[in-house]
Amino acid sequence: MLSIVVFISLFVFSTGLFLLNANKIRKNIRLGRDVNRSDKPLTRLKTMVLVALGQKKMFTRPIAAFLHLALYVAFVITQIELLEIIADGITGKHRMFYFSLGDFYVFMVSFIEILSVLAFVATVAFLWRRNMLSLPRFNKAELLGWPKKDANLILIMELVLIVFILTMNGTDEVLYNRGGSHVAYAKGSFGFSISAWLGPLVFDSFNVETLRVFERIGWWGHISMVFLFLNYLPYSKHLHVLLAFPTTYFSNLQAKGKFSHMKSVENEVKLMLDPNAIPPESDAPPGRFGAKDVADLTWKNLLDAYSCTECGRCTDVCPANNTGKLLSPRKIMMDTRDRMVEVGELKKGVVDNKSLLGDYITPEELWACTSCNACVEACPINIDPLAIIIDLRRNLVMEESAMPSELAGMLTNIENNGAPWQFSQSDRLNWAKEE
């Protein structure tokens, strides 16, 4: 009874804390402007299935993709065993699905164990890759400090979780062989694929009472790591394991390179070009041109920021970054997320006199962007750093008239000559005349 009470208390507390943090994330995302992403639901569903569930874009780098797939599939499939552990914890029983499912139960647990071993290998490989190999994208300035610790910490937690799973199953195999298992104290063998040989190999020298202690350590350790992982997610880049699905579903389905436009500016242009155009009924002044802070971005931009995996594939293919410029698309997303969290924590009515543009992201970073869309194409979950860059640049130009001198000259030529070149329209075809 004490065990049941402790488990239910942990379960309720952990779930409640996660839901509380999830609500904070929802409120932070809703700081952004509205944007309609409800069109073409079948296309969006297909995109989500292929990109988020099928991890289609990961396979541009096959080795990393297969390692990640092993972790991903293990994470998804082990939730089946987690359901049984929760049911056991609430009822006080042990392997309550075993007698009802029989051979299928053994098959599923065996499959989970194989995936767990593959996940263990993948996790060790990722730790070695992040810390022993000098991959440039894992050693950028924006990853120094907490981001690097975060990546390592979650990998270590995964290793510990797998060890607890195999400890629980391995000791249970030995106990079951000796007739000392919690499963009706039966005698025989579960026959799990890994634990059937790993259990006797590691735990056969211990007596029954010690094995029961180890089994309980494995059981409680497993579920405790799950609760810990659940409540660590809102503070970690690994939130993408949940948010990758809405992020890909609400992907931008327009052609790459097509920029959004402001309705207020469009109306002004129509009035100037068409004398018969009817002015809009609303006399309300237009909102901010472009984006200066996170509230000026769309909710999809902010969802992207929360979903960023910090893998650095965007920065790795960025031509500006590769030629030594200050721009890093990954840093754009990380800065947006950090600023969003900061704004979300402000008390109502409090202004901190800071903004995303200037305090987090500099004009130098923004003007280094060539708007080539390489970062958007490279992202495994269709995050769009370019949309944020363009909106921040739009604010610099339209509200602060702050732009490189080369761009100022081009805009002056467009205004005066109708083209970027320093020639009047009447002289534009002089090059084609015979001398």
Protein backbone atom coordinates (compact mmCIF):
# COMPACT_ATOMS: atom_id res chain seq x y z
CA MET A 1 0.00 0.00 0.00
CA LEU A 2 2.86 2.41 0.82
CA SER A 3 4.40 1.67 -2.58
CA ILE A 4 1.11 2.45 -4.33
CA VAL A 5 0.70 5.74 -2.44
CA VAL A 6 4.27 6.81 -3.22
CA PHE A 7 3.88 5.92 -6.90
CA ILE A 8 0.55 7.69 -7.33
CA SER A 9 1.94 10.77 -5.54
CA LEU A 10 4.97 10.86 -7.86
CA PHE A 11 2.79 10.25 -10.90
CA VAL A 12 0.34 13.03 -10.06
CA PHE A 13 3.09 15.49 -9.08
CA SER A 14 5.20 14.82 -12.18
CA THR A 15 2.27 14.96 -14.57
CA GLY A 16 0.92 18.11 -12.95
CA LEU A 17 4.30 19.84 -13.08
CA PHE A 18 4.72 18.91 -16.74
CA LEU A 19 1.26 20.25 -17.61
CA LEU A 20 2.05 23.48 -15.74
CA ASN A 21 5.25 23.97 -17.74
CA ALA A 22 3.50 22.97 -20.96
CA ASN A 23 0.94 25.70 -20.33
CA LYS A 24 3.75 28.25 -19.89
CA ILE A 25 5.18 27.17 -23.24
CA ARG A 26 1.75 27.52 -24.84
CA LYS A 27 1.37 31.04 -23.43
CA ASN A 28 4.84 32.01 -24.65
CA ILE A 29 4.08 30.78 -28.17
CA ARG A 30 0.84 32.76 -28.13
CA LEU A 31 2.85 35.95 -27.59
CA GLY A 32 3.33 35.91 -31.37
CA ARG A 33 1.07 37.37 -34.05
CA ASP A 34 -1.58 35.22 -35.64
CA VAL A 35 -0.88 33.50 -38.94
CA ASN A 36 -3.17 31.14 -40.81
CA ARG A 37 -1.67 27.67 -41.27
CA SER A 38 -4.93 25.73 -41.56
CA ASP A 39 -4.98 25.32 -45.34
CA LYS A 40 -4.29 22.04 -47.21
CA PRO A 41 -4.74 19.71 -44.21
CA LEU A 42 -3.93 16.54 -46.19
CA THR A 43 -0.68 18.03 -47.49
CA ARG A 44 0.22 19.12 -43.99
CA LEU A 45 -0.55 15.70 -42.57
CA LYS A 46 1.61 14.07 -45.24
CA THR A 47 4.46 16.48 -44.43
CA MET A 48 4.21 15.67 -40.73
CA VAL A 49 4.20 11.91 -41.32
CA LEU A 50 7.19 12.01 -43.67
CA VAL A 51 9.33 14.61 -41.91
CA ALA A 52 8.50 14.22 -38.20
CA LEU A 53 7.45 10.59 -37.96
CA GLY A 54 9.46 9.19 -40.87
CA GLN A 55 12.46 11.52 -40.32
CA LYS A 56 12.84 11.87 -44.07
CA LYS A 57 15.22 14.84 -44.00
CA MET A 58 17.54 13.18 -41.48
CA PHE A 59 18.69 10.70 -44.11
CA THR A 60 20.75 13.25 -45.99
CA ARG A 61 23.39 12.04 -43.50
CA PRO A 62 22.74 8.27 -43.29
CA ILE A 63 25.00 7.28 -40.35
CA ALA A 64 23.63 9.93 -38.00
CA ALA A 65 20.13 9.17 -39.32
CA PHE A 66 20.27 5.46 -38.46
CA LEU A 67 21.67 6.19 -35.00
CA HIS A 68 18.96 8.76 -34.39
CA LEU A 69 16.32 6.37 -35.74
CA ALA A 70 17.41 3.74 -33.21
CA LEU A 71 16.95 6.24 -30.38
CA TYR A 72 13.68 7.50 -31.77
CA VAL A 73 12.07 4.09 -32.31
CA ALA A 74 13.24 2.92 -28.89
CA PHE A 75 11.71 6.02 -27.31
CA VAL A 76 8.35 5.43 -29.03
CA ILE A 77 8.10 1.66 -28.56
CA THR A 78 9.20 1.68 -24.91
CA GLN A 79 6.12 3.73 -24.11
CA ILE A 80 4.23 0.43 -24.38
CA GLU A 81 6.21 -1.01 -21.48
CA LEU A 82 5.79 2.29 -19.66
CA LEU A 83 2.00 1.83 -19.77
CA GLU A 84 2.39 -1.48 -17.96
CA ILE A 85 4.70 0.04 -15.34
CA ILE A 86 2.16 2.80 -14.65
CA ALA A 87 -0.61 0.20 -14.37
CA ASP A 88 1.57 -1.90 -12.03
CA GLY A 89 2.39 1.14 -9.91
CA ILE A 90 -1.25 2.11 -9.48
CA THR A 91 -2.51 -1.42 -8.74
CA GLY A 92 0.50 -2.78 -6.85
CA LYS A 93 0.80 -5.72 -9.25
CA HIS A 94 3.82 -6.83 -11.27
CA ARG A 95 3.87 -7.45 -15.03
CA MET A 96 0.10 -7.47 -15.05
CA PHE A 97 -0.04 -7.80 -18.85
CA TYR A 98 2.08 -10.98 -18.86
CA PHE A 99 -0.61 -13.59 -18.23
CA SER A 100 -3.17 -11.96 -20.53
CA LEU A 101 -0.80 -11.47 -23.48
CA GLY A 102 1.44 -14.50 -23.11
CA ASP A 103 3.84 -15.03 -26.01
CA PHE A 104 2.99 -11.66 -27.51
CA TYR A 105 4.07 -10.03 -24.26
CA VAL A 106 7.43 -11.84 -24.41
CA PHE A 107 7.81 -10.76 -28.04
CA MET A 108 7.10 -7.10 -27.25
CA VAL A 109 9.45 -6.94 -24.25
CA SER A 110 12.13 -8.75 -26.29
CA PHE A 111 11.68 -6.23 -29.11
CA ILE A 112 11.92 -3.36 -26.62
CA GLU A 113 15.14 -4.83 -25.19
CA ILE A 114 16.72 -5.10 -28.64
CA LEU A 115 15.77 -1.49 -29.35
CA SER A 116 17.16 -0.49 -25.95
CA VAL A 117 20.53 -2.07 -26.77
CA LEU A 118 20.58 -0.29 -30.14
CA ALA A 119 19.64 2.95 -28.37
CA PHE A 120 22.48 2.38 -25.89
CA VAL A 121 24.97 2.01 -28.76
CA ALA A 122 23.56 5.09 -30.49
CA THR A 123 23.73 7.14 -27.29
CA VAL A 124 27.37 6.23 -26.68
CA ALA A 125 28.12 7.10 -30.31
CA PHE A 126 26.44 10.50 -29.95
CA LEU A 127 28.33 11.24 -26.74
CA TRP A 128 31.61 10.34 -28.41
CA ARG A 129 30.68 12.33 -31.50
CA ARG A 130 29.79 15.45 -29.53
CA ASN A 131 32.73 15.40 -27.15
CA MET A 132 35.60 13.56 -28.85
CA LEU A 133 35.22 14.55 -32.50
CA SER A 134 35.99 18.14 -33.43
CA LEU A 135 32.93 18.67 -35.61
CA PRO A 136 32.74 22.43 -36.34
CA ARG A 137 28.97 22.68 -35.90
CA PHE A 138 29.22 21.26 -32.36
CA ASN A 139 31.89 23.78 -31.38
CA LYS A 140 30.30 27.08 -32.38
CA ALA A 141 30.16 29.91 -29.87
CA GLU A 142 26.40 29.61 -29.33
CA LEU A 143 26.82 26.03 -28.01
CA LEU A 144 29.34 26.88 -25.31
CA GLY A 145 28.13 26.55 -21.74
CA TRP A 146 24.61 25.33 -21.01
CA PRO A 147 23.63 24.11 -24.53
CA LYS A 148 26.54 21.65 -24.60
CA LYS A 149 25.81 20.49 -21.03
CA ASP A 150 22.14 20.08 -21.93
CA ALA A 151 22.95 17.81 -24.88
CA ASN A 152 25.32 15.67 -22.79
CA LEU A 153 22.98 15.53 -19.81
CA ILE A 154 20.06 14.16 -21.82
CA LEU A 155 22.30 11.51 -23.41
CA ILE A 156 23.57 10.45 -19.99
CA MET A 157 19.97 10.26 -18.73
CA GLU A 158 19.14 7.96 -21.65
CA LEU A 159 22.04 5.67 -20.75
CA VAL A 160 20.94 5.51 -17.11
CA LEU A 161 17.35 4.79 -18.17
CA ILE A 162 18.45 1.88 -20.37
CA VAL A 163 20.59 0.45 -17.55
CA PHE A 164 17.57 0.56 -15.22
CA ILE A 165 15.39 -1.21 -17.83
CA LEU A 166 17.90 -4.03 -18.30
CA THR A 167 18.48 -4.28 -14.52
CA MET A 168 14.75 -4.65 -13.93
CA ASN A 169 14.30 -7.28 -16.65
CA GLY A 170 17.57 -9.11 -15.95
CA THR A 171 16.95 -9.58 -12.25
CA ASP A 172 13.35 -10.57 -12.94
CA GLU A 173 14.58 -13.29 -15.30
CA VAL A 174 16.82 -14.77 -12.58
CA LEU A 175 14.08 -14.45 -9.96
CA TYR A 176 11.56 -16.12 -12.27
CA ASN A 177 14.00 -19.00 -12.87
CA ARG A 178 14.29 -19.50 -9.12
CA GLY A 179 10.58 -19.15 -8.41
CA GLY A 180 11.11 -15.90 -6.53
CA SER A 181 9.62 -13.44 -9.01
CA HIS A 182 6.77 -11.08 -8.16
CA VAL A 183 4.87 -12.77 -11.01
CA ALA A 184 2.91 -15.22 -8.84
CA TYR A 185 6.26 -16.64 -7.71
CA ALA A 186 6.23 -18.86 -10.77
CA LYS A 187 9.26 -20.82 -11.86
CA GLY A 188 10.58 -21.01 -15.40
CA SER A 189 11.83 -18.35 -17.79
CA PHE A 190 10.30 -15.29 -19.42
CA GLY A 191 12.62 -15.79 -22.36
CA PHE A 192 13.26 -12.12 -23.05
CA SER A 193 15.75 -11.74 -25.92
CA ILE A 194 18.48 -9.85 -24.01
CA SER A 195 17.69 -10.46 -20.34
CA ALA A 196 17.45 -14.24 -20.79
CA TRP A 197 21.25 -14.40 -21.09
CA LEU A 198 22.30 -11.02 -19.65
CA GLY A 199 20.38 -11.57 -16.39
CA PRO A 200 22.06 -14.87 -15.41
CA LEU A 201 25.43 -13.56 -16.63
CA VAL A 202 25.33 -10.49 -14.36
CA PHE A 203 23.01 -11.39 -11.47
CA ASP A 204 23.15 -15.19 -11.01
CA SER A 205 25.60 -14.96 -8.09
CA PHE A 206 23.17 -12.97 -5.90
CA ASN A 207 20.63 -14.47 -3.51
CA VAL A 208 16.88 -14.00 -3.92
CA GLU A 209 16.52 -11.16 -1.41
CA THR A 210 19.34 -9.17 -3.03
CA LEU A 211 17.84 -9.78 -6.46
CA ARG A 212 14.51 -8.43 -5.30
CA VAL A 213 16.26 -5.27 -4.10
CA PHE A 214 18.00 -4.89 -7.48
CA GLU A 215 14.72 -5.53 -9.31
CA ARG A 216 12.99 -2.82 -7.29
CA ILE A 217 15.90 -0.45 -7.92
CA GLY A 218 15.53 -1.12 -11.64
CA TRP A 219 11.76 -0.66 -11.55
CA TRP A 220 11.75 2.52 -9.47
CA GLY A 221 14.82 3.85 -11.27
CA HIS A 222 13.12 3.37 -14.62
CA ILE A 223 9.92 5.18 -13.75
CA SER A 224 11.80 7.89 -11.82
CA MET A 225 13.98 8.61 -14.86
CA VAL A 226 10.83 8.82 -16.99
CA PHE A 227 9.28 11.36 -14.61
CA LEU A 228 12.55 13.30 -14.47
CA PHE A 229 12.91 13.29 -18.26
CA LEU A 230 9.30 14.41 -18.67
CA ASN A 231 9.85 17.47 -16.52
CA TYR A 232 13.28 18.24 -17.90
CA LEU A 233 11.92 18.47 -21.47
CA PRO A 234 10.42 21.98 -21.11
CA TYR A 235 13.88 23.33 -20.21
CA SER A 236 15.79 21.37 -22.85
CA LYS A 237 16.31 21.41 -26.60
CA HIS A 238 14.89 17.88 -26.53
CA LEU A 239 11.43 19.40 -26.40
CA HIS A 240 11.54 18.71 -30.14
CA VAL A 241 10.55 15.07 -29.46
CA LEU A 242 7.05 16.47 -28.86
CA LEU A 243 6.96 19.72 -30.81
CA ALA A 244 8.42 18.31 -34.04
CA PHE A 245 4.92 17.11 -34.95
CA PRO A 246 3.06 20.46 -34.80
CA THR A 247 6.12 22.21 -36.22
CA THR A 248 6.14 20.08 -39.36
CA TYR A 249 2.35 20.05 -39.66
CA PHE A 250 2.27 23.86 -39.69
CA SER A 251 5.20 24.12 -42.12
CA ASN A 252 5.28 26.92 -44.66
CA LEU A 253 3.86 25.31 -47.81
CA GLN A 254 4.55 28.28 -50.06
CA ALA A 255 7.42 28.24 -52.53
CA LYS A 256 10.77 28.81 -50.87
CA GLY A 257 11.90 32.39 -51.25
CA LYS A 258 8.38 33.83 -51.34
CA PHE A 259 8.28 36.59 -48.76
CA SER A 260 5.22 37.61 -46.80
CA HIS A 261 3.91 41.12 -47.21
CA MET A 262 2.13 43.59 -44.98
CA LYS A 263 -1.47 44.35 -45.89
CA SER A 264 -1.09 47.99 -44.83
CA VAL A 265 1.83 48.49 -47.21
CA GLU A 266 -0.02 46.68 -50.01
CA ASN A 267 -3.01 49.00 -49.58
CA GLU A 268 -0.81 52.11 -49.73
CA VAL A 269 0.87 50.91 -52.94
CA LYS A 270 -2.51 50.17 -54.54
CA LEU A 271 -3.75 53.67 -53.66
CA MET A 272 -0.66 55.25 -55.22
CA LEU A 273 -0.78 53.18 -58.41
CA ASP A 274 -4.54 53.04 -58.94
CA PRO A 275 -6.53 56.31 -58.68
CA ASN A 276 -9.74 54.28 -58.59
CA ALA A 277 -8.65 52.12 -55.65
CA ILE A 278 -10.96 52.26 -52.65
CA PRO A 279 -9.24 53.09 -49.34
CA PRO A 280 -9.74 50.56 -46.54
CA GLU A 281 -12.57 51.33 -44.13
CA SER A 282 -10.43 51.13 -41.01
CA ASP A 283 -8.62 54.29 -39.98
CA ALA A 284 -6.45 52.41 -37.52
CA PRO A 285 -2.75 53.05 -38.07
CA PRO A 286 -0.72 50.06 -39.31
CA GLY A 287 1.12 48.01 -36.75
CA ARG A 288 4.86 47.75 -36.49
CA PHE A 289 6.68 47.22 -39.76
CA GLY A 290 8.63 44.01 -39.47
CA ALA A 291 9.70 42.65 -36.10
CA LYS A 292 11.68 44.20 -33.29
CA ASP A 293 10.76 41.83 -30.48
CA VAL A 294 9.22 38.37 -30.14
CA ALA A 295 5.66 39.72 -29.93
CA ASP A 296 6.09 41.05 -33.48
CA LEU A 297 6.90 37.59 -34.83
CA THR A 298 4.21 35.01 -35.62
CA TRP A 299 3.26 32.17 -33.29
CA LYS A 300 4.77 29.79 -35.85
CA ASN A 301 8.14 31.57 -35.57
CA LEU A 302 7.98 31.11 -31.81
CA LEU A 303 6.93 27.46 -32.12
CA ASP A 304 9.95 26.96 -34.40
CA ALA A 305 12.20 28.48 -31.75
CA TYR A 306 10.95 26.06 -29.10
CA SER A 307 11.30 23.13 -31.51
CA CYS A 308 14.90 23.84 -32.52
CA THR A 309 17.06 20.75 -31.94
CA GLU A 310 20.29 22.81 -31.98
CA CYS A 311 21.74 20.20 -34.35
CA GLY A 312 23.46 22.95 -36.34
CA ARG A 313 22.68 21.59 -39.80
CA CYS A 314 21.33 25.02 -40.74
CA THR A 315 24.53 26.75 -39.68
CA ASP A 316 26.62 24.03 -41.31
CA VAL A 317 25.21 24.84 -44.77
CA CYS A 318 24.92 28.62 -44.31
CA PRO A 319 27.20 30.29 -46.90
CA ALA A 320 27.53 33.39 -44.75
CA ASN A 321 28.69 31.39 -41.73
CA ASN A 322 31.02 29.27 -43.86
CA THR A 323 32.77 32.41 -45.12
CA GLY A 324 33.40 33.74 -41.63
CA LYS A 325 30.38 36.04 -41.26
CA LEU A 326 28.76 36.49 -37.87
CA LEU A 327 25.44 34.93 -38.91
CA SER A 328 24.44 31.53 -37.50
CA PRO A 329 20.83 30.46 -38.23
CA ARG A 330 20.95 28.17 -35.20
CA LYS A 331 21.84 31.14 -32.99
CA ILE A 332 18.90 33.09 -34.45
CA MET A 333 16.54 30.37 -33.25
CA MET A 334 18.23 29.99 -29.86
CA ASP A 335 18.18 33.76 -29.28
CA THR A 336 14.51 33.93 -30.22
CA ARG A 337 13.69 31.16 -27.74
CA ASP A 338 15.74 32.78 -24.96
CA ARG A 339 14.11 36.15 -25.50
CA MET A 340 10.63 34.57 -25.64
CA VAL A 341 11.20 32.83 -22.30
CA GLU A 342 12.49 36.08 -20.82
CA VAL A 343 9.43 38.02 -21.99
CA GLY A 344 7.12 35.24 -20.78
CA GLU A 345 8.56 35.52 -17.28
CA LEU A 346 7.96 39.28 -17.03
CA LYS A 347 5.16 40.32 -14.73
CA LYS A 348 2.13 41.89 -16.38
CA GLY A 349 2.75 45.56 -17.16
CA VAL A 350 6.51 45.31 -16.63
CA VAL A 351 8.73 46.50 -19.49
CA ASP A 352 12.41 45.56 -19.44
CA ASN A 353 13.44 47.96 -22.24
CA LYS A 354 15.08 45.13 -24.14
CA SER A 355 14.27 43.62 -27.51
CA LEU A 356 15.22 40.68 -29.68
CA LEU A 357 16.69 43.03 -32.27
CA GLY A 358 19.72 44.72 -30.79
CA ASP A 359 19.97 43.01 -27.41
CA TYR A 360 20.07 39.46 -28.78
CA ILE A 361 20.49 39.61 -32.54
CA THR A 362 22.66 42.28 -34.15
CA PRO A 363 22.14 44.01 -37.53
CA GLU A 364 25.49 42.60 -38.63
CA GLU A 365 24.11 39.08 -38.30
CA LEU A 366 20.95 39.95 -40.22
CA TRP A 367 22.63 41.66 -43.16
CA ALA A 368 25.05 38.75 -43.57
CA CYS A 369 22.11 36.57 -44.68
CA THR A 370 21.89 35.97 -48.43
CA SER A 371 18.28 34.67 -48.11
CA CYS A 372 19.33 31.55 -50.02
CA ASN A 373 17.02 29.23 -47.98
CA ALA A 374 19.82 26.70 -47.38
CA CYS A 375 19.08 26.72 -43.65
CA VAL A 376 15.38 26.05 -44.23
CA GLU A 377 16.15 23.20 -46.61
CA ALA A 378 18.66 21.61 -44.21
CA CYS A 379 16.50 21.65 -41.06
CA PRO A 380 15.30 18.13 -40.18
CA ILE A 381 11.92 19.44 -38.96
CA ASN A 382 11.25 22.33 -41.39
CA ILE A 383 12.15 25.18 -39.04
CA ASP A 384 12.38 28.52 -40.88
CA PRO A 385 15.10 30.85 -39.52
CA LEU A 386 14.90 32.97 -42.68
CA ALA A 387 11.37 34.14 -41.84
CA ILE A 388 12.65 35.63 -38.58
CA ILE A 389 15.69 37.20 -40.27
CA ILE A 390 13.58 38.85 -42.96
CA ASP A 391 11.09 40.31 -40.46
CA LEU A 392 13.91 41.73 -38.32
CA ARG A 393 15.58 43.23 -41.38
CA ARG A 394 12.25 44.67 -42.52
CA ASN A 395 12.04 46.52 -39.20
CA LEU A 396 15.54 47.93 -39.63
CA VAL A 397 14.71 49.26 -43.08
CA MET A 398 11.13 50.44 -42.68
CA GLU A 399 11.20 51.83 -39.14
CA GLU A 400 14.81 52.75 -38.47
CA SER A 401 16.06 53.40 -42.02
CA ALA A 402 19.12 51.42 -40.96
CA MET A 403 20.71 49.53 -43.82
CA PRO A 404 24.11 49.05 -45.46
CA SER A 405 25.19 51.93 -47.73
CA GLU A 406 25.13 49.65 -50.77
CA LEU A 407 21.47 48.87 -50.15
CA ALA A 408 20.63 52.53 -49.54
CA GLY A 409 22.10 53.39 -52.95
CA MET A 410 20.11 50.66 -54.64
CA LEU A 411 16.86 51.81 -53.04
CA THR A 412 17.52 55.39 -54.09
CA ASN A 413 18.04 54.25 -57.67
CA ILE A 414 14.81 52.26 -57.59
CA GLU A 415 12.94 55.31 -56.29
CA ASN A 416 14.41 57.70 -58.84
CA ASN A 417 15.05 55.47 -61.86
CA GLY A 418 12.65 52.55 -61.39
CA ALA A 419 15.59 50.11 -61.38
CA PRO A 420 18.59 49.29 -59.15
CA TRP A 421 21.02 50.87 -61.66
CA GLN A 422 22.20 54.45 -61.80
CA PHE A 423 20.65 55.17 -65.19
CA SER A 424 17.43 56.94 -66.04
CA GLN A 425 14.70 54.94 -67.70
CA SER A 426 15.18 56.78 -70.99
CA ASP A 427 18.85 55.71 -71.12
CA ARG A 428 18.32 52.15 -70.06
CA LEU A 429 18.61 50.64 -73.57
CA ASN A 430 21.53 52.76 -74.76
CA TRP A 431 23.83 49.76 -74.49
CA ALA A 432 21.97 48.11 -77.39
CA LYS A 433 22.43 51.05 -79.79
CA GLU A 434 25.11 50.86 -82.46
CA GLU A 435 27.92 53.32 -82.09
